[in-house]
Amino acid sequence: MSKSSGTANGGGVGVVGLLQVAFIVLKLCGVIDWSWWWVLAPTWIGAVLVILVVCGFVVAVLVGATTTRQKR
Protein backbone atom coordinates (compact mmCIF):
# COMPACT_ATOMS: atom_id res chain seq x y z
CA MET A 1 0.00 0.00 0.00
CA SER A 2 1.40 3.43 -0.94
CA LYS A 3 1.06 6.62 1.02
CA SER A 4 -0.79 9.53 -0.52
CA SER A 5 0.08 13.08 0.46
CA GLY A 6 -3.18 14.52 -0.83
CA THR A 7 -1.54 16.73 -3.45
CA ALA A 8 -1.18 16.07 -7.13
CA ASN A 9 2.60 16.47 -7.25
CA GLY A 10 3.36 15.02 -3.83
CA GLY A 11 4.95 18.30 -2.71
CA GLY A 12 4.33 20.55 0.20
CA VAL A 13 3.72 24.25 0.43
CA GLY A 14 6.22 25.57 -2.11
CA VAL A 15 8.21 28.76 -2.42
CA VAL A 16 5.27 31.07 -3.15
CA GLY A 17 3.31 29.69 -0.20
CA LEU A 18 6.23 30.13 2.18
CA LEU A 19 6.83 33.66 0.92
CA GLN A 20 3.15 34.47 1.40
CA VAL A 21 3.14 33.18 4.98
CA ALA A 22 6.37 35.05 5.75
CA PHE A 23 4.95 38.34 4.43
CA ILE A 24 1.73 37.93 6.42
CA VAL A 25 3.62 37.15 9.64
CA LEU A 26 5.95 40.12 9.13
CA LYS A 27 2.98 42.42 8.47
CA LEU A 28 1.05 41.22 11.53
CA CYS A 29 4.13 41.56 13.76
CA GLY A 30 4.68 45.12 12.53
CA VAL A 31 8.10 44.41 11.01
CA ILE A 32 7.05 45.66 7.57
CA ASP A 33 4.72 48.57 6.90
CA TRP A 34 3.58 47.49 3.44
CA SER A 35 0.13 47.77 1.99
CA TRP A 36 -1.88 44.54 2.11
CA TRP A 37 -1.79 44.58 -1.71
CA TRP A 38 1.98 43.99 -1.58
CA VAL A 39 1.79 41.55 1.31
CA LEU A 40 -0.60 39.40 -0.74
CA ALA A 41 1.35 39.96 -3.98
CA PRO A 42 2.71 36.39 -4.27
CA THR A 43 -0.86 35.13 -4.54
CA TRP A 44 -2.29 37.67 -6.97
CA ILE A 45 0.81 37.83 -9.16
CA GLY A 46 0.66 34.06 -9.55
CA ALA A 47 -3.03 34.23 -10.41
CA VAL A 48 -2.42 36.98 -12.99
CA LEU A 49 0.34 34.94 -14.62
CA VAL A 50 -1.93 31.90 -14.89
CA ILE A 51 -4.70 34.02 -16.42
CA LEU A 52 -2.26 35.52 -18.95
CA VAL A 53 -0.99 32.09 -19.98
CA VAL A 54 -4.54 30.77 -20.41
CA CYS A 55 -5.54 33.83 -22.45
CA GLY A 56 -2.45 33.44 -24.63
CA PHE A 57 -3.31 29.80 -25.23
CA VAL A 58 -6.90 30.68 -26.17
CA VAL A 59 -5.71 33.38 -28.58
CA ALA A 60 -3.23 30.95 -30.17
CA VAL A 61 -5.95 28.34 -30.64
CA LEU A 62 -8.36 30.88 -32.13
CA VAL A 63 -5.72 32.23 -34.51
CA GLY A 64 -4.80 28.70 -35.53
CA ALA A 65 -8.45 27.82 -36.16
CA THR A 66 -8.95 30.98 -38.23
CA THR A 67 -5.92 30.38 -40.43
CA THR A 68 -6.95 26.74 -40.93
CA ARG A 69 -10.40 27.82 -42.13
CA GLN A 70 -8.93 30.40 -44.51
CA LYS A 71 -6.70 27.79 -46.18
CA ARG A 72 -9.68 25.63 -47.16
PDB file of N, CA and C in Angstrom:
ATOM      1  N   MET A   1       0.845  -1.170   0.000  1.00  0.00           N
ATOM      2  CA  MET A   1       0.000   0.000   0.000  1.00  0.00           C
ATOM      3  C   MET A   1       0.897   1.242   0.000  1.00  0.00           C
ATOM      4  N   SER A   2       0.586   2.219  -0.854  1.00  0.00           N
ATOM      5  CA  SER A   2       1.403   3.429  -0.940  1.00  0.00           C
ATOM      6  C   SER A   2       0.742   4.571  -0.187  1.00  0.00           C
ATOM      7  N   LYS A   3       1.575   5.448   0.313  1.00  0.00           N
ATOM      8  CA  LYS A   3       1.062   6.625   1.017  1.00  0.00           C
ATOM      9  C   LYS A   3       0.662   7.689   0.012  1.00  0.00           C
ATOM     10  N   SER A   4      -0.366   8.423   0.323  1.00  0.00           N
ATOM     11  CA  SER A   4      -0.788   9.532  -0.521  1.00  0.00           C
ATOM     12  C   SER A   4      -0.723  10.809   0.289  1.00  0.00           C
ATOM     13  N   SER A   5      -0.069  11.820  -0.269  1.00  0.00           N
ATOM     14  CA  SER A   5       0.076  13.075   0.462  1.00  0.00           C
ATOM     15  C   SER A   5      -1.116  13.997   0.293  1.00  0.00           C
ATOM     16  N   GLY A   6      -2.013  13.678  -0.633  1.00  0.00           N
ATOM     17  CA  GLY A   6      -3.183  14.516  -0.832  1.00  0.00           C
ATOM     18  C   GLY A   6      -2.988  15.610  -1.863  1.00  0.00           C
ATOM     19  N   THR A   7      -1.779  15.743  -2.398  1.00  0.00           N
ATOM     20  CA  THR A   7      -1.545  16.733  -3.445  1.00  0.00           C
ATOM     21  C   THR A   7      -1.184  16.014  -4.734  1.00  0.00           C
ATOM     22  N   ALA A   8      -1.398  16.686  -5.834  1.00  0.00           N
ATOM     23  CA  ALA A   8      -1.180  16.071  -7.133  1.00  0.00           C
ATOM     24  C   ALA A   8       0.292  15.770  -7.393  1.00  0.00           C
ATOM     25  N   ASN A   9       1.184  16.670  -6.961  1.00  0.00           N
ATOM     26  CA  ASN A   9       2.600  16.467  -7.248  1.00  0.00           C
ATOM     27  C   ASN A   9       3.366  15.874  -6.077  1.00  0.00           C
ATOM     28  N   GLY A  10       2.704  15.615  -4.978  1.00  0.00           N
ATOM     29  CA  GLY A  10       3.365  15.024  -3.829  1.00  0.00           C
ATOM     30  C   GLY A  10       4.203  16.007  -3.041  1.00  0.00           C
ATOM     31  N   GLY A  11       4.148  17.278  -3.381  1.00  0.00           N
ATOM     32  CA  GLY A  11       4.954  18.296  -2.714  1.00  0.00           C
ATOM     33  C   GLY A  11       4.222  18.925  -1.544  1.00  0.00           C
ATOM     34  N   GLY A  12       4.890  19.851  -0.942  1.00  0.00           N
ATOM     35  CA  GLY A  12       4.326  20.554   0.198  1.00  0.00           C
ATOM     36  C   GLY A  12       3.835  21.932  -0.191  1.00  0.00           C
ATOM     37  N   VAL A  13       4.228  22.894   0.596  1.00  0.00           N
ATOM     38  CA  VAL A  13       3.723  24.251   0.435  1.00  0.00           C
ATOM     39  C   VAL A  13       4.318  24.940  -0.789  1.00  0.00           C
ATOM     40  N   GLY A  14       5.589  24.910  -0.979  1.00  0.00           N
ATOM     41  CA  GLY A  14       6.218  25.573  -2.112  1.00  0.00           C
ATOM     42  C   GLY A  14       6.755  26.940  -1.750  1.00  0.00           C
ATOM     43  N   VAL A  15       7.515  27.498  -2.656  1.00  0.00           N
ATOM     44  CA  VAL A  15       8.205  28.763  -2.416  1.00  0.00           C
ATOM     45  C   VAL A  15       7.218  29.919  -2.290  1.00  0.00           C
ATOM     46  N   VAL A  16       6.240  29.969  -3.178  1.00  0.00           N
ATOM     47  CA  VAL A  16       5.272  31.071  -3.148  1.00  0.00           C
ATOM     48  C   VAL A  16       4.452  31.024  -1.862  1.00  0.00           C
ATOM     49  N   GLY A  17       4.064  29.832  -1.441  1.00  0.00           N
ATOM     50  CA  GLY A  17       3.307  29.689  -0.199  1.00  0.00           C
ATOM     51  C   GLY A  17       4.102  30.115   1.018  1.00  0.00           C
ATOM     52  N   LEU A  18       5.373  29.722   1.057  1.00  0.00           N
ATOM     53  CA  LEU A  18       6.233  30.130   2.178  1.00  0.00           C
ATOM     54  C   LEU A  18       6.442  31.636   2.193  1.00  0.00           C
ATOM     55  N   LEU A  19       6.647  32.213   1.016  1.00  0.00           N
ATOM     56  CA  LEU A  19       6.828  33.659   0.915  1.00  0.00           C
ATOM     57  C   LEU A  19       5.566  34.387   1.379  1.00  0.00           C
ATOM     58  N   GLN A  20       4.419  33.863   0.995  1.00  0.00           N
ATOM     59  CA  GLN A  20       3.149  34.470   1.400  1.00  0.00           C
ATOM     60  C   GLN A  20       2.983  34.445   2.913  1.00  0.00           C
ATOM     61  N   VAL A  21       3.251  33.299   3.518  1.00  0.00           N
ATOM     62  CA  VAL A  21       3.139  33.179   4.977  1.00  0.00           C
ATOM     63  C   VAL A  21       4.134  34.102   5.668  1.00  0.00           C
ATOM     64  N   ALA A  22       5.358  34.177   5.151  1.00  0.00           N
ATOM     65  CA  ALA A  22       6.371  35.055   5.746  1.00  0.00           C
ATOM     66  C   ALA A  22       5.935  36.515   5.692  1.00  0.00           C
ATOM     67  N   PHE A  23       5.413  36.952   4.544  1.00  0.00           N
ATOM     68  CA  PHE A  23       4.952  38.338   4.426  1.00  0.00           C
ATOM     69  C   PHE A  23       3.808  38.638   5.386  1.00  0.00           C
ATOM     70  N   ILE A  24       2.868  37.714   5.524  1.00  0.00           N
ATOM     71  CA  ILE A  24       1.729  37.928   6.423  1.00  0.00           C
ATOM     72  C   ILE A  24       2.199  38.018   7.869  1.00  0.00           C
ATOM     73  N   VAL A  25       3.100  37.126   8.266  1.00  0.00           N
ATOM     74  CA  VAL A  25       3.618  37.154   9.639  1.00  0.00           C
ATOM     75  C   VAL A  25       4.370  38.454   9.898  1.00  0.00           C
ATOM     76  N   LEU A  26       5.211  38.869   8.953  1.00  0.00           N
ATOM     77  CA  LEU A  26       5.951  40.120   9.127  1.00  0.00           C
ATOM     78  C   LEU A  26       5.012  41.320   9.213  1.00  0.00           C
ATOM     79  N   LYS A  27       3.956  41.324   8.435  1.00  0.00           N
ATOM     80  CA  LYS A  27       2.981  42.420   8.471  1.00  0.00           C
ATOM     81  C   LYS A  27       2.253  42.444   9.814  1.00  0.00           C
ATOM     82  N   LEU A  28       1.797  41.277  10.273  1.00  0.00           N
ATOM     83  CA  LEU A  28       1.049  41.223  11.527  1.00  0.00           C
ATOM     84  C   LEU A  28       1.921  41.542  12.737  1.00  0.00           C
ATOM     85  N   CYS A  29       3.214  41.252  12.655  1.00  0.00           N
ATOM     86  CA  CYS A  29       4.134  41.561  13.757  1.00  0.00           C
ATOM     87  C   CYS A  29       4.635  43.003  13.706  1.00  0.00           C
ATOM     88  N   GLY A  30       4.290  43.725  12.654  1.00  0.00           N
ATOM     89  CA  GLY A  30       4.684  45.121  12.534  1.00  0.00           C
ATOM     90  C   GLY A  30       6.101  45.326  12.039  1.00  0.00           C
ATOM     91  N   VAL A  31       6.737  44.289  11.510  1.00  0.00           N
ATOM     92  CA  VAL A  31       8.102  44.412  11.006  1.00  0.00           C
ATOM     93  C   VAL A  31       8.122  45.171   9.690  1.00  0.00           C
ATOM     94  N   ILE A  32       7.137  44.938   8.836  1.00  0.00           N
ATOM     95  CA  ILE A  32       7.047  45.664   7.571  1.00  0.00           C
ATOM     96  C   ILE A  32       5.782  46.510   7.591  1.00  0.00           C
ATOM     97  N   ASP A  33       5.849  47.645   6.935  1.00  0.00           N
ATOM     98  CA  ASP A  33       4.717  48.565   6.899  1.00  0.00           C
ATOM     99  C   ASP A  33       4.195  48.671   5.468  1.00  0.00           C
ATOM    100  N   TRP A  34       4.043  47.528   4.818  1.00  0.00           N
ATOM    101  CA  TRP A  34       3.584  47.487   3.439  1.00  0.00           C
ATOM    102  C   TRP A  34       2.071  47.496   3.392  1.00  0.00           C
ATOM    103  N   SER A  35       1.550  47.902   2.250  1.00  0.00           N
ATOM    104  CA  SER A  35       0.125  47.771   1.991  1.00  0.00           C
ATOM    105  C   SER A  35      -0.208  46.284   1.893  1.00  0.00           C
ATOM    106  N   TRP A  36      -1.459  45.943   2.210  1.00  0.00           N
ATOM    107  CA  TRP A  36      -1.881  44.538   2.114  1.00  0.00           C
ATOM    108  C   TRP A  36      -1.824  44.048   0.672  1.00  0.00           C
ATOM    109  N   TRP A  37      -1.930  44.973  -0.302  1.00  0.00           N
ATOM    110  CA  TRP A  37      -1.792  44.577  -1.712  1.00  0.00           C
ATOM    111  C   TRP A  37      -0.430  43.944  -1.957  1.00  0.00           C
ATOM    112  N   TRP A  38       0.626  44.528  -1.375  1.00  0.00           N
ATOM    113  CA  TRP A  38       1.975  43.988  -1.582  1.00  0.00           C
ATOM    114  C   TRP A  38       2.239  42.770  -0.719  1.00  0.00           C
ATOM    115  N   VAL A  39       1.630  42.727   0.457  1.00  0.00           N
ATOM    116  CA  VAL A  39       1.786  41.551   1.314  1.00  0.00           C
ATOM    117  C   VAL A  39       1.193  40.319   0.625  1.00  0.00           C
ATOM    118  N   LEU A  40       0.070  40.499  -0.051  1.00  0.00           N
ATOM    119  CA  LEU A  40      -0.603  39.396  -0.738  1.00  0.00           C
ATOM    120  C   LEU A  40      -0.156  39.254  -2.191  1.00  0.00           C
ATOM    121  N   ALA A  41       0.877  39.982  -2.590  1.00  0.00           N
ATOM    122  CA  ALA A  41       1.349  39.959  -3.975  1.00  0.00           C
ATOM    123  C   ALA A  41       1.736  38.573  -4.495  1.00  0.00           C
ATOM    124  N   PRO A  42       2.390  37.717  -3.715  1.00  0.00           N
ATOM    125  CA  PRO A  42       2.710  36.393  -4.272  1.00  0.00           C
ATOM    126  C   PRO A  42       1.483  35.638  -4.766  1.00  0.00           C
ATOM    127  N   THR A  43       0.355  35.824  -4.117  1.00  0.00           N
ATOM    128  CA  THR A  43      -0.864  35.134  -4.536  1.00  0.00           C
ATOM    129  C   THR A  43      -1.442  35.753  -5.794  1.00  0.00           C
ATOM    130  N   TRP A  44      -1.618  37.075  -5.806  1.00  0.00           N
ATOM    131  CA  TRP A  44      -2.288  37.667  -6.968  1.00  0.00           C
ATOM    132  C   TRP A  44      -1.385  37.740  -8.184  1.00  0.00           C
ATOM    133  N   ILE A  45      -0.082  37.848  -7.997  1.00  0.00           N
ATOM    134  CA  ILE A  45       0.810  37.830  -9.156  1.00  0.00           C
ATOM    135  C   ILE A  45       0.785  36.457  -9.817  1.00  0.00           C
ATOM    136  N   GLY A  46       0.771  35.411  -9.003  1.00  0.00           N
ATOM    137  CA  GLY A  46       0.661  34.059  -9.551  1.00  0.00           C
ATOM    138  C   GLY A  46      -0.637  33.849 -10.303  1.00  0.00           C
ATOM    139  N   ALA A  47      -1.729  34.361  -9.752  1.00  0.00           N
ATOM    140  CA  ALA A  47      -3.029  34.232 -10.412  1.00  0.00           C
ATOM    141  C   ALA A  47      -3.049  34.997 -11.738  1.00  0.00           C
ATOM    142  N   VAL A  48      -2.466  36.185 -11.756  1.00  0.00           N
ATOM    143  CA  VAL A  48      -2.418  36.983 -12.989  1.00  0.00           C
ATOM    144  C   VAL A  48      -1.591  36.267 -14.057  1.00  0.00           C
ATOM    145  N   LEU A  49      -0.486  35.665 -13.659  1.00  0.00           N
ATOM    146  CA  LEU A  49       0.341  34.941 -14.625  1.00  0.00           C
ATOM    147  C   LEU A  49      -0.408  33.745 -15.219  1.00  0.00           C
ATOM    148  N   VAL A  50      -1.140  33.028 -14.389  1.00  0.00           N
ATOM    149  CA  VAL A  50      -1.931  31.896 -14.889  1.00  0.00           C
ATOM    150  C   VAL A  50      -2.992  32.382 -15.871  1.00  0.00           C
ATOM    151  N   ILE A  51      -3.669  33.472 -15.537  1.00  0.00           N
ATOM    152  CA  ILE A  51      -4.701  34.017 -16.422  1.00  0.00           C
ATOM    153  C   ILE A  51      -4.088  34.454 -17.755  1.00  0.00           C
ATOM    154  N   LEU A  52      -2.924  35.096 -17.718  1.00  0.00           N
ATOM    155  CA  LEU A  52      -2.265  35.523 -18.953  1.00  0.00           C
ATOM    156  C   LEU A  52      -1.866  34.337 -19.830  1.00  0.00           C
ATOM    157  N   VAL A  53      -1.373  33.274 -19.213  1.00  0.00           N
ATOM    158  CA  VAL A  53      -0.988  32.089 -19.982  1.00  0.00           C
ATOM    159  C   VAL A  53      -2.216  31.451 -20.618  1.00  0.00           C
ATOM    160  N   VAL A  54      -3.302  31.351 -19.864  1.00  0.00           N
ATOM    161  CA  VAL A  54      -4.537  30.767 -20.409  1.00  0.00           C
ATOM    162  C   VAL A  54      -5.070  31.629 -21.551  1.00  0.00           C
ATOM    163  N   CYS A  55      -5.071  32.946 -21.380  1.00  0.00           N
ATOM    164  CA  CYS A  55      -5.538  33.835 -22.453  1.00  0.00           C
ATOM    165  C   CYS A  55      -4.651  33.716 -23.692  1.00  0.00           C
ATOM    166  N   GLY A  56      -3.350  33.620 -23.501  1.00  0.00           N
ATOM    167  CA  GLY A  56      -2.448  33.444 -24.631  1.00  0.00           C
ATOM    168  C   GLY A  56      -2.711  32.144 -25.367  1.00  0.00           C
ATOM    169  N   PHE A  57      -2.994  31.079 -24.617  1.00  0.00           N
ATOM    170  CA  PHE A  57      -3.314  29.796 -25.231  1.00  0.00           C
ATOM    171  C   PHE A  57      -4.605  29.884 -26.030  1.00  0.00           C
ATOM    172  N   VAL A  58      -5.616  30.534 -25.472  1.00  0.00           N
ATOM    173  CA  VAL A  58      -6.902  30.677 -26.166  1.00  0.00           C
ATOM    174  C   VAL A  58      -6.721  31.483 -27.451  1.00  0.00           C
ATOM    175  N   VAL A  59      -5.959  32.565 -27.388  1.00  0.00           N
ATOM    176  CA  VAL A  59      -5.714  33.375 -28.583  1.00  0.00           C
ATOM    177  C   VAL A  59      -4.975  32.553 -29.633  1.00  0.00           C
ATOM    178  N   ALA A  60      -3.979  31.777 -29.217  1.00  0.00           N
ATOM    179  CA  ALA A  60      -3.231  30.949 -30.168  1.00  0.00           C
ATOM    180  C   ALA A  60      -4.135  29.919 -30.831  1.00  0.00           C
ATOM    181  N   VAL A  61      -5.027  29.319 -30.070  1.00  0.00           N
ATOM    182  CA  VAL A  61      -5.955  28.335 -30.636  1.00  0.00           C
ATOM    183  C   VAL A  61      -6.915  29.009 -31.612  1.00  0.00           C
ATOM    184  N   LEU A  62      -7.430  30.178 -31.245  1.00  0.00           N
ATOM    185  CA  LEU A  62      -8.361  30.885 -32.131  1.00  0.00           C
ATOM    186  C   LEU A  62      -7.676  31.334 -33.420  1.00  0.00           C
ATOM    187  N   VAL A  63      -6.454  31.817 -33.321  1.00  0.00           N
ATOM    188  CA  VAL A  63      -5.722  32.232 -34.514  1.00  0.00           C
ATOM    189  C   VAL A  63      -5.428  31.021 -35.384  1.00  0.00           C
ATOM    190  N   GLY A  64      -5.059  29.919 -34.771  1.00  0.00           N
ATOM    191  CA  GLY A  64      -4.803  28.701 -35.529  1.00  0.00           C
ATOM    192  C   GLY A  64      -6.049  28.189 -36.225  1.00  0.00           C
ATOM    193  N   ALA A  65      -7.190  28.269 -35.557  1.00  0.00           N
ATOM    194  CA  ALA A  65      -8.448  27.822 -36.164  1.00  0.00           C
ATOM    195  C   ALA A  65      -8.843  28.737 -37.313  1.00  0.00           C
ATOM    196  N   THR A  66      -8.601  30.025 -37.179  1.00  0.00           N
ATOM    197  CA  THR A  66      -8.947  30.984 -38.227  1.00  0.00           C
ATOM    198  C   THR A  66      -8.083  30.773 -39.468  1.00  0.00           C
ATOM    199  N   THR A  67      -6.785  30.573 -39.263  1.00  0.00           N
ATOM    200  CA  THR A  67      -5.920  30.380 -40.427  1.00  0.00           C
ATOM    201  C   THR A  67      -6.186  29.040 -41.107  1.00  0.00           C
ATOM    202  N   THR A  68      -6.608  28.041 -40.338  1.00  0.00           N
ATOM    203  CA  THR A  68      -6.947  26.745 -40.927  1.00  0.00           C
ATOM    204  C   THR A  68      -8.193  26.865 -41.802  1.00  0.00           C
ATOM    205  N   ARG A  69      -9.168  27.632 -41.345  1.00  0.00           N
ATOM    206  CA  ARG A  69     -10.400  27.823 -42.125  1.00  0.00           C
ATOM    207  C   ARG A  69     -10.129  28.595 -43.414  1.00  0.00           C
ATOM    208  N   GLN A  70      -9.215  29.583 -43.342  1.00  0.00           N
ATOM    209  CA  GLN A  70      -8.933  30.404 -44.513  1.00  0.00           C
ATOM    210  C   GLN A  70      -8.172  29.621 -45.585  1.00  0.00           C
ATOM    211  N   LYS A  71      -7.437  28.588 -45.215  1.00  0.00           N
ATOM    212  CA  LYS A  71      -6.696  27.792 -46.178  1.00  0.00           C
ATOM    213  C   LYS A  71      -7.597  26.855 -46.975  1.00  0.00           C
ATOM    214  N   ARG A  72      -8.769  26.561 -46.470  1.00  0.00           N
ATOM    215  CA  ARG A  72      -9.684  25.629 -47.160  1.00  0.00           C
ATOM    216  C   ARG A  72     -10.313  26.237 -48.343  1.00  0.00           C
TER     217      ARG A  72
END
